[in-house]
Structures are given as structure tokens and as C-alpha cells.
N, C-alpha and C. Protein backbone atom coordinates (compact mmCIF):
# COMPACT_ATOMS: atom_id res chain seq x y z
N MET A 1 0.84 -1.18 0.00
CA MET A 1 0.00 0.00 0.00
C MET A 1 0.87 1.23 0.00
N ASP A 2 0.39 2.29 -0.59
CA ASP A 2 1.21 3.48 -0.69
C ASP A 2 1.24 4.27 0.61
N ASP A 3 0.23 5.08 0.90
CA ASP A 3 0.28 5.94 2.07
C ASP A 3 -0.36 5.30 3.30
N ALA A 4 -0.80 4.07 3.21
CA ALA A 4 -1.38 3.38 4.35
C ALA A 4 -0.30 2.63 5.10
N THR A 5 -0.51 2.49 6.38
CA THR A 5 0.38 1.69 7.20
C THR A 5 -0.41 0.46 7.61
N PRO A 6 -0.18 -0.68 6.96
CA PRO A 6 -1.05 -1.82 7.22
C PRO A 6 -0.93 -2.40 8.61
N ILE A 7 0.23 -2.31 9.22
CA ILE A 7 0.37 -2.77 10.60
C ILE A 7 1.10 -1.71 11.39
N GLY A 8 0.91 -1.72 12.70
CA GLY A 8 1.57 -0.73 13.53
C GLY A 8 3.08 -0.89 13.48
N ALA A 9 3.77 0.16 13.87
CA ALA A 9 5.23 0.16 13.86
C ALA A 9 5.79 -0.95 14.73
N ASP A 10 5.04 -1.34 15.75
CA ASP A 10 5.51 -2.39 16.65
C ASP A 10 5.05 -3.77 16.19
N GLY A 11 4.49 -3.88 14.99
CA GLY A 11 4.00 -5.15 14.48
C GLY A 11 2.62 -5.49 15.00
N GLY A 12 1.99 -4.55 15.70
CA GLY A 12 0.67 -4.78 16.27
C GLY A 12 -0.45 -4.51 15.30
N ALA A 13 -1.53 -3.98 15.84
CA ALA A 13 -2.73 -3.72 15.05
C ALA A 13 -2.47 -2.66 13.97
N PRO A 14 -3.22 -2.71 12.90
CA PRO A 14 -3.09 -1.68 11.85
C PRO A 14 -3.35 -0.29 12.42
N THR A 15 -2.75 0.70 11.82
CA THR A 15 -2.96 2.09 12.25
C THR A 15 -3.80 2.86 11.25
N SER A 16 -4.19 2.20 10.17
CA SER A 16 -5.04 2.86 9.18
C SER A 16 -5.99 1.85 8.55
N VAL A 17 -7.09 2.39 8.06
CA VAL A 17 -8.08 1.61 7.33
C VAL A 17 -8.30 2.33 6.00
N VAL A 18 -8.40 1.55 4.94
CA VAL A 18 -8.58 2.13 3.60
C VAL A 18 -10.02 1.88 3.15
N LEU A 19 -10.64 2.94 2.64
CA LEU A 19 -11.98 2.85 2.09
C LEU A 19 -11.91 3.18 0.61
N TYR A 20 -12.22 2.20 -0.24
CA TYR A 20 -12.25 2.41 -1.69
C TYR A 20 -13.66 2.86 -2.06
N THR A 21 -13.75 3.99 -2.77
CA THR A 21 -15.03 4.58 -3.15
C THR A 21 -14.94 5.11 -4.58
N ARG A 22 -16.01 5.75 -5.01
CA ARG A 22 -15.98 6.50 -6.26
C ARG A 22 -17.00 7.63 -6.13
N PRO A 23 -16.81 8.72 -6.87
CA PRO A 23 -17.74 9.84 -6.80
C PRO A 23 -19.16 9.40 -7.17
N GLY A 24 -20.12 9.96 -6.45
CA GLY A 24 -21.52 9.68 -6.75
C GLY A 24 -22.05 8.38 -6.17
N CYS A 25 -21.26 7.70 -5.40
CA CYS A 25 -21.67 6.42 -4.81
C CYS A 25 -22.35 6.67 -3.46
N GLY A 26 -23.68 6.55 -3.44
CA GLY A 26 -24.43 6.77 -2.22
C GLY A 26 -24.07 5.78 -1.12
N LEU A 27 -23.89 4.51 -1.49
CA LEU A 27 -23.50 3.51 -0.50
C LEU A 27 -22.14 3.86 0.11
N CYS A 28 -21.24 4.40 -0.70
CA CYS A 28 -19.92 4.79 -0.21
C CYS A 28 -20.05 5.90 0.82
N THR A 29 -20.94 6.85 0.56
CA THR A 29 -21.16 7.96 1.48
C THR A 29 -21.66 7.44 2.82
N GLU A 30 -22.61 6.51 2.78
CA GLU A 30 -23.14 5.92 4.01
C GLU A 30 -22.06 5.14 4.76
N THR A 31 -21.28 4.36 4.04
CA THR A 31 -20.24 3.57 4.67
C THR A 31 -19.18 4.48 5.28
N ARG A 32 -18.80 5.53 4.58
CA ARG A 32 -17.81 6.50 5.09
C ARG A 32 -18.29 7.07 6.43
N ALA A 33 -19.54 7.51 6.47
CA ALA A 33 -20.09 8.10 7.70
C ALA A 33 -20.09 7.09 8.84
N TYR A 34 -20.53 5.87 8.53
CA TYR A 34 -20.57 4.85 9.58
C TYR A 34 -19.16 4.50 10.06
N LEU A 35 -18.24 4.34 9.13
CA LEU A 35 -16.87 3.97 9.48
C LEU A 35 -16.21 5.06 10.32
N ARG A 36 -16.39 6.32 9.92
CA ARG A 36 -15.82 7.42 10.72
C ARG A 36 -16.40 7.43 12.13
N ALA A 37 -17.70 7.23 12.25
CA ALA A 37 -18.33 7.21 13.57
C ALA A 37 -17.80 6.05 14.40
N ALA A 38 -17.65 4.88 13.79
CA ALA A 38 -17.15 3.71 14.51
C ALA A 38 -15.71 3.94 14.98
N LEU A 39 -14.89 4.52 14.12
CA LEU A 39 -13.50 4.80 14.51
C LEU A 39 -13.44 5.86 15.60
N ASP A 40 -14.31 6.86 15.53
CA ASP A 40 -14.36 7.88 16.58
C ASP A 40 -14.79 7.28 17.91
N ARG A 41 -15.77 6.37 17.89
CA ARG A 41 -16.21 5.70 19.13
C ARG A 41 -15.07 4.91 19.74
N ARG A 42 -14.31 4.21 18.90
CA ARG A 42 -13.19 3.41 19.40
C ARG A 42 -12.16 4.32 20.08
N THR A 43 -11.86 5.44 19.46
CA THR A 43 -10.89 6.38 20.04
C THR A 43 -11.44 6.95 21.35
N ALA A 44 -12.72 7.31 21.37
CA ALA A 44 -13.34 7.85 22.58
C ALA A 44 -13.32 6.83 23.72
N ASP A 45 -13.34 5.55 23.38
CA ASP A 45 -13.29 4.48 24.38
C ASP A 45 -11.87 4.21 24.86
N GLY A 46 -10.90 4.99 24.34
CA GLY A 46 -9.52 4.83 24.79
C GLY A 46 -8.67 3.90 23.95
N ARG A 47 -9.19 3.43 22.85
CA ARG A 47 -8.40 2.57 21.97
C ARG A 47 -7.51 3.43 21.08
N PRO A 48 -6.42 2.88 20.58
CA PRO A 48 -5.53 3.67 19.73
C PRO A 48 -6.26 4.18 18.49
N PRO A 49 -5.95 5.41 18.07
CA PRO A 49 -6.61 5.95 16.88
C PRO A 49 -6.22 5.20 15.61
N VAL A 50 -7.15 5.12 14.70
CA VAL A 50 -6.94 4.50 13.40
C VAL A 50 -7.29 5.54 12.34
N THR A 51 -6.39 5.76 11.41
CA THR A 51 -6.58 6.76 10.37
C THR A 51 -7.41 6.18 9.23
N LEU A 52 -8.37 6.95 8.76
CA LEU A 52 -9.17 6.55 7.60
C LEU A 52 -8.55 7.16 6.35
N ILE A 53 -8.21 6.31 5.40
CA ILE A 53 -7.66 6.74 4.11
C ILE A 53 -8.68 6.39 3.05
N GLU A 54 -9.08 7.37 2.26
CA GLU A 54 -10.04 7.12 1.19
C GLU A 54 -9.32 7.09 -0.15
N ARG A 55 -9.72 6.15 -0.98
CA ARG A 55 -9.16 6.03 -2.32
C ARG A 55 -10.29 6.00 -3.34
N ASP A 56 -10.21 6.91 -4.27
CA ASP A 56 -11.17 6.99 -5.36
C ASP A 56 -10.73 5.98 -6.43
N ILE A 57 -11.54 4.98 -6.67
CA ILE A 57 -11.13 3.94 -7.62
C ILE A 57 -10.98 4.48 -9.03
N GLU A 58 -11.63 5.60 -9.32
CA GLU A 58 -11.51 6.17 -10.67
C GLU A 58 -10.16 6.82 -10.91
N SER A 59 -9.37 6.97 -9.85
CA SER A 59 -8.05 7.60 -9.99
C SER A 59 -6.96 6.59 -10.36
N ASP A 60 -7.31 5.30 -10.37
CA ASP A 60 -6.33 4.26 -10.66
C ASP A 60 -7.03 3.14 -11.43
N PRO A 61 -6.62 2.89 -12.67
CA PRO A 61 -7.29 1.85 -13.47
C PRO A 61 -7.28 0.46 -12.81
N ALA A 62 -6.23 0.15 -12.08
CA ALA A 62 -6.17 -1.16 -11.41
C ALA A 62 -7.22 -1.25 -10.31
N TRP A 63 -7.38 -0.19 -9.53
CA TRP A 63 -8.41 -0.18 -8.49
C TRP A 63 -9.80 -0.25 -9.11
N GLU A 64 -9.99 0.47 -10.20
CA GLU A 64 -11.30 0.47 -10.84
C GLU A 64 -11.65 -0.93 -11.33
N ARG A 65 -10.69 -1.62 -11.95
CA ARG A 65 -10.93 -3.00 -12.42
C ARG A 65 -11.21 -3.92 -11.23
N ALA A 66 -10.44 -3.77 -10.17
CA ALA A 66 -10.55 -4.68 -9.03
C ALA A 66 -11.82 -4.46 -8.21
N PHE A 67 -12.25 -3.20 -8.06
CA PHE A 67 -13.29 -2.90 -7.07
C PHE A 67 -14.60 -2.34 -7.62
N PHE A 68 -14.70 -2.10 -8.92
CA PHE A 68 -15.87 -1.42 -9.47
C PHE A 68 -17.18 -2.06 -9.01
N ALA A 69 -17.28 -3.37 -9.09
CA ALA A 69 -18.53 -4.06 -8.76
C ALA A 69 -18.68 -4.34 -7.27
N GLU A 70 -17.68 -3.96 -6.46
CA GLU A 70 -17.69 -4.32 -5.05
C GLU A 70 -17.67 -3.13 -4.10
N ILE A 71 -17.62 -1.89 -4.62
CA ILE A 71 -17.51 -0.76 -3.70
C ILE A 71 -18.82 -0.53 -2.97
N PRO A 72 -18.74 -0.02 -1.76
CA PRO A 72 -17.54 0.36 -1.04
C PRO A 72 -16.78 -0.87 -0.53
N VAL A 73 -15.46 -0.75 -0.54
CA VAL A 73 -14.58 -1.81 -0.06
C VAL A 73 -13.74 -1.24 1.07
N ILE A 74 -13.67 -1.97 2.17
CA ILE A 74 -12.82 -1.59 3.29
C ILE A 74 -11.65 -2.55 3.35
N GLU A 75 -10.46 -2.00 3.51
CA GLU A 75 -9.25 -2.81 3.64
C GLU A 75 -8.61 -2.45 4.98
N LEU A 76 -8.38 -3.46 5.79
CA LEU A 76 -7.83 -3.26 7.12
C LEU A 76 -6.82 -4.36 7.38
N GLY A 77 -5.55 -3.97 7.51
CA GLY A 77 -4.51 -4.97 7.64
C GLY A 77 -4.49 -5.85 6.41
N ASP A 78 -4.55 -7.14 6.60
CA ASP A 78 -4.55 -8.06 5.46
C ASP A 78 -5.95 -8.54 5.11
N ARG A 79 -6.97 -7.86 5.64
CA ARG A 79 -8.36 -8.24 5.39
C ARG A 79 -9.04 -7.23 4.49
N ARG A 80 -9.96 -7.72 3.69
CA ARG A 80 -10.71 -6.86 2.77
C ARG A 80 -12.19 -7.22 2.91
N LEU A 81 -13.02 -6.19 3.03
CA LEU A 81 -14.47 -6.38 3.15
C LEU A 81 -15.13 -5.70 1.95
N PRO A 82 -15.52 -6.49 0.93
CA PRO A 82 -16.22 -5.91 -0.23
C PRO A 82 -17.68 -5.65 0.12
N LEU A 83 -18.30 -4.74 -0.63
CA LEU A 83 -19.70 -4.38 -0.41
C LEU A 83 -19.94 -4.09 1.08
N ALA A 84 -19.09 -3.25 1.63
CA ALA A 84 -19.11 -2.95 3.06
C ALA A 84 -20.24 -1.98 3.39
N THR A 85 -21.45 -2.50 3.42
CA THR A 85 -22.62 -1.66 3.67
C THR A 85 -23.34 -2.03 4.96
N SER A 86 -22.93 -3.09 5.60
CA SER A 86 -23.58 -3.55 6.82
C SER A 86 -22.80 -3.06 8.05
N PRO A 87 -23.44 -2.23 8.88
CA PRO A 87 -22.74 -1.79 10.09
C PRO A 87 -22.25 -2.95 10.95
N ALA A 88 -23.02 -4.03 11.02
CA ALA A 88 -22.61 -5.18 11.82
C ALA A 88 -21.33 -5.82 11.26
N ARG A 89 -21.25 -5.95 9.93
CA ARG A 89 -20.04 -6.54 9.32
C ARG A 89 -18.84 -5.62 9.49
N ILE A 90 -19.06 -4.32 9.40
CA ILE A 90 -17.96 -3.37 9.59
C ILE A 90 -17.45 -3.43 11.03
N GLU A 91 -18.36 -3.42 11.99
CA GLU A 91 -17.97 -3.51 13.41
C GLU A 91 -17.22 -4.81 13.68
N ARG A 92 -17.70 -5.91 13.10
CA ARG A 92 -17.03 -7.20 13.30
C ARG A 92 -15.61 -7.17 12.74
N LEU A 93 -15.44 -6.59 11.55
CA LEU A 93 -14.11 -6.48 10.97
C LEU A 93 -13.19 -5.66 11.88
N LEU A 94 -13.67 -4.52 12.35
CA LEU A 94 -12.86 -3.68 13.24
C LEU A 94 -12.45 -4.45 14.49
N ARG A 95 -13.40 -5.15 15.12
CA ARG A 95 -13.08 -5.94 16.32
C ARG A 95 -12.08 -7.03 16.03
N GLU A 96 -12.33 -7.81 14.96
CA GLU A 96 -11.48 -8.95 14.66
C GLU A 96 -10.04 -8.54 14.35
N VAL A 97 -9.87 -7.43 13.65
CA VAL A 97 -8.54 -7.02 13.25
C VAL A 97 -7.86 -6.14 14.30
N LEU A 98 -8.59 -5.17 14.83
CA LEU A 98 -7.97 -4.20 15.73
C LEU A 98 -7.88 -4.67 17.18
N ASP A 99 -8.77 -5.57 17.58
CA ASP A 99 -8.78 -6.01 18.98
C ASP A 99 -8.16 -7.39 19.16
N ALA A 100 -7.56 -7.91 18.11
CA ALA A 100 -6.98 -9.27 18.18
C ALA A 100 -5.71 -9.28 19.01
């Protein structure tokens, strides 16, 4: 990954989460809002902050080919959640990867 840090400097939990989106995607907007709120709640609960990195798939032909039919896509550490529209699935991914 380019500007993302997939795992912490100490080899621990990831310090960033990547959200693949595209302009005009309503589901992406909803997922972004939910993901930001979930990350804010985790930080408010005293957990280490996690940076949200957004990537527009239209800015890279490889991302567009890989994710066009699956956006929004969340990438966290070595895990990827396609069609990330379910708050329950997003919360589960955050717990499984960040709290492991």
C-alpha cells in the first residue's frame, strides 16, 4: 500500500483503514459516515486511533478494475471487506482485526 500503514510500527494492530469509493456512490457515502463514527467511538473508548484513508477507484485503473462491482470496499490490515454496507459486518471487521 502506498500511504497506508497496514500494521503498527511495533508489528501490532493496523494504524489505518482504507476505504475504496468513487464519486456519486451513495453507499460509499453511508459507509464512510458509519466507518468514521465507529472509529471515533473506538478512540473515545480509549483505543488507539486509526486513520481513515479514502481512495477513489476512478483515480487508478487497477483499483477500478478490481473494485468497481464491489464498492464500497474496506481494507484493514490483510483483510478486505467488499460491499461494506452492513454496520454489523464493519464492526465485526474492526473488532477482529484491531482487537486481536
